[in-house]
C-alpha atoms as a PDB file:
ATOM      1  CA  MET A   1      26.044 -66.475   0.510  1.00  0.00           C
ATOM      2  CA  HIS A   2      22.793 -64.087   1.657  1.00  0.00           C
ATOM      3  CA  ASP A   3      22.165 -66.295   4.742  1.00  0.00           C
ATOM      4  CA  ASN A   4      25.029 -64.651   6.342  1.00  0.00           C
ATOM      5  CA  ALA A   5      23.880 -60.914   5.594  1.00  0.00           C
ATOM      6  CA  LEU A   6      21.203 -62.164   8.173  1.00  0.00           C
ATOM      7  CA  ILE A   7      23.585 -63.216  11.082  1.00  0.00           C
ATOM      8  CA  GLY A   8      25.766 -60.314  10.727  1.00  0.00           C
ATOM      9  CA  ASN A   9      28.025 -61.577   8.199  1.00  0.00           C
ATOM     10  CA  THR A  10      28.085 -59.000   5.619  1.00  0.00           C
ATOM     11  CA  LEU A  11      32.168 -59.495   5.254  1.00  0.00           C
ATOM     12  CA  LEU A  12      31.431 -62.633   2.746  1.00  0.00           C
ATOM     13  CA  LEU A  13      29.705 -60.196   0.363  1.00  0.00           C
ATOM     14  CA  GLU A  14      31.999 -57.735  -0.667  1.00  0.00           C
ATOM     15  CA  ASN A  15      32.375 -56.941  -4.147  1.00  0.00           C
ATOM     16  CA  VAL A  16      28.467 -58.645  -4.842  1.00  0.00           C
ATOM     17  CA  PRO A  17      25.698 -56.477  -5.993  1.00  0.00           C
ATOM     18  CA  CYS A  18      23.455 -56.668  -3.202  1.00  0.00           C
ATOM     19  CA  ALA A  19      19.869 -55.365  -2.484  1.00  0.00           C
ATOM     20  CA  VAL A  20      18.455 -54.202   1.251  1.00  0.00           C
ATOM     21  CA  LEU A  21      15.555 -55.456   2.080  1.00  0.00           C
ATOM     22  CA  PRO A  22      13.827 -55.533   5.740  1.00  0.00           C
ATOM     23  CA  ALA A  23      14.924 -58.601   7.347  1.00  0.00           C
ATOM     24  CA  ASP A  24      11.642 -60.199   8.258  1.00  0.00           C
ATOM     25  CA  PHE A  25      10.194 -60.058   4.506  1.00  0.00           C
ATOM     26  CA  VAL A  26      13.783 -62.432   3.728  1.00  0.00           C
ATOM     27  CA  ARG A  27      12.724 -64.306   6.515  1.00  0.00           C
ATOM     28  CA  ILE A  28       9.433 -64.984   5.544  1.00  0.00           C
ATOM     29  CA  TRP A  29      10.266 -65.518   2.035  1.00  0.00           C
ATOM     30  CA  ARG A  30      13.031 -67.921   2.702  1.00  0.00           C
ATOM     31  CA  LYS A  31      10.479 -69.740   4.867  1.00  0.00           C
ATOM     32  CA  TRP A  32       7.936 -69.844   1.501  1.00  0.00           C
ATOM     33  CA  LEU A  33      10.666 -71.597  -0.182  1.00  0.00           C
ATOM     34  CA  SER A  34      11.765 -73.991   1.931  1.00  0.00           C
ATOM     35  CA  ARG A  35       7.339 -74.916   2.291  1.00  0.00           C
ATOM     36  CA  PRO A  36       5.602 -73.568   0.020  1.00  0.00           C
ATOM     37  CA  ALA A  37       2.612 -76.107   0.923  1.00  0.00           C
ATOM     38  CA  GLU A  38       2.903 -74.639   4.251  1.00  0.00           C
ATOM     39  CA  VAL A  39       3.892 -71.509   4.849  1.00  0.00           C
ATOM     40  CA  PRO A  40       2.071 -69.053   2.859  1.00  0.00           C
ATOM     41  CA  ARG A  41       3.532 -66.707   0.097  1.00  0.00           C
ATOM     42  CA  PRO A  42       4.435 -63.133   1.035  1.00  0.00           C
ATOM     43  CA  GLU A  43       2.557 -60.750  -1.257  1.00  0.00           C
ATOM     44  CA  THR A  44       4.621 -57.767  -1.489  1.00  0.00           C
ATOM     45  CA  VAL A  45       7.809 -56.493  -0.514  1.00  0.00           C
ATOM     46  CA  ASP A  46       7.392 -53.628   1.865  1.00  0.00           C
ATOM     47  CA  THR A  47      10.825 -51.180   2.377  1.00  0.00           C
ATOM     48  CA  SER A  48       9.183 -48.531   3.999  1.00  0.00           C
ATOM     49  CA  PRO A  49      10.640 -49.411   7.427  1.00  0.00           C
ATOM     50  CA  LEU A  50      14.364 -48.802   5.563  1.00  0.00           C
ATOM     51  CA  PHE A  51      13.458 -45.009   5.720  1.00  0.00           C
ATOM     52  CA  CYS A  52      12.786 -42.019   7.874  1.00  0.00           C
ATOM     53  CA  GLN A  53       9.742 -39.667   7.942  1.00  0.00           C
ATOM     54  CA  HIS A  54      11.720 -37.427   4.981  1.00  0.00           C
ATOM     55  CA  ASP A  55      12.319 -40.600   3.076  1.00  0.00           C
ATOM     56  CA  GLN A  56      16.026 -40.737   3.912  1.00  0.00           C
ATOM     57  CA  LEU A  57      17.273 -44.699   4.896  1.00  0.00           C
ATOM     58  CA  VAL A  58      17.530 -45.017   8.187  1.00  0.00           C
ATOM     59  CA  PHE A  59      20.653 -46.598   8.829  1.00  0.00           C
ATOM     60  CA  ASP A  60      24.185 -45.923   6.225  1.00  0.00           C
ATOM     61  CA  PRO A  61      24.579 -48.933   4.323  1.00  0.00           C
ATOM     62  CA  ASN A  62      28.585 -48.204   4.399  1.00  0.00           C
ATOM     63  CA  ALA A  63      28.436 -48.271   9.086  1.00  0.00           C
ATOM     64  CA  PRO A  64      28.828 -51.284   9.584  1.00  0.00           C
ATOM     65  CA  ASN A  65      27.531 -50.473  12.956  1.00  0.00           C
ATOM     66  CA  ASP A  66      24.502 -49.284  11.631  1.00  0.00           C
ATOM     67  CA  TRP A  67      23.417 -52.722  10.730  1.00  0.00           C
ATOM     68  CA  ASP A  68      21.016 -54.402  12.831  1.00  0.00           C
ATOM     69  CA  SER A  69      18.967 -57.153  12.589  1.00  0.00           C
ATOM     70  CA  ASP A  70      15.752 -55.499  10.846  1.00  0.00           C
ATOM     71  CA  VAL A  71      17.708 -54.941   7.738  1.00  0.00           C
ATOM     72  CA  ALA A  72      19.115 -58.024   5.328  1.00  0.00           C
ATOM     73  CA  LEU A  73      21.522 -58.238   2.655  1.00  0.00           C
ATOM     74  CA  ILE A  74      20.402 -60.425  -0.747  1.00  0.00           C
ATOM     75  CA  GLN A  75      22.404 -60.847  -4.072  1.00  0.00           C
ATOM     76  CA  MET A  76      20.806 -58.785  -6.759  1.00  0.00           C
ATOM     77  CA  SER A  77      19.878 -62.304  -8.453  1.00  0.00           C
ATOM     78  CA  GLU A  78      17.929 -62.689  -5.976  1.00  0.00           C
ATOM     79  CA  TRP A  79      16.153 -58.727  -6.044  1.00  0.00           C
ATOM     80  CA  LEU A  80      15.843 -59.432  -9.750  1.00  0.00           C
ATOM     81  CA  ILE A  81      13.479 -62.457  -9.382  1.00  0.00           C
ATOM     82  CA  LEU A  82      12.023 -61.064  -6.686  1.00  0.00           C
ATOM     83  CA  GLN A  83      11.333 -58.450  -8.394  1.00  0.00           C
ATOM     84  CA  GLU A  84       9.645 -60.140 -11.143  1.00  0.00           C
ATOM     85  CA  LEU A  85       7.101 -61.904  -9.296  1.00  0.00           C
END
């Protein structure tokens, strides 16, 4: 389901608790999950690209037009796993 968020199909995620992450991290994380022996595991989640110099979000989460290829949604269950690691 969360793969849909990377291709802009966020309607499938309505009423599902989600977290917002940089899309590059999500892509690298999923590559590592599918090929852990070949792809290095990402070290940390850097959310700084999601914020401006005033520590405000660089997009409006309620405005679909603000979502671009730099932002990805993941289910909260996946975020909790990432948080533990």
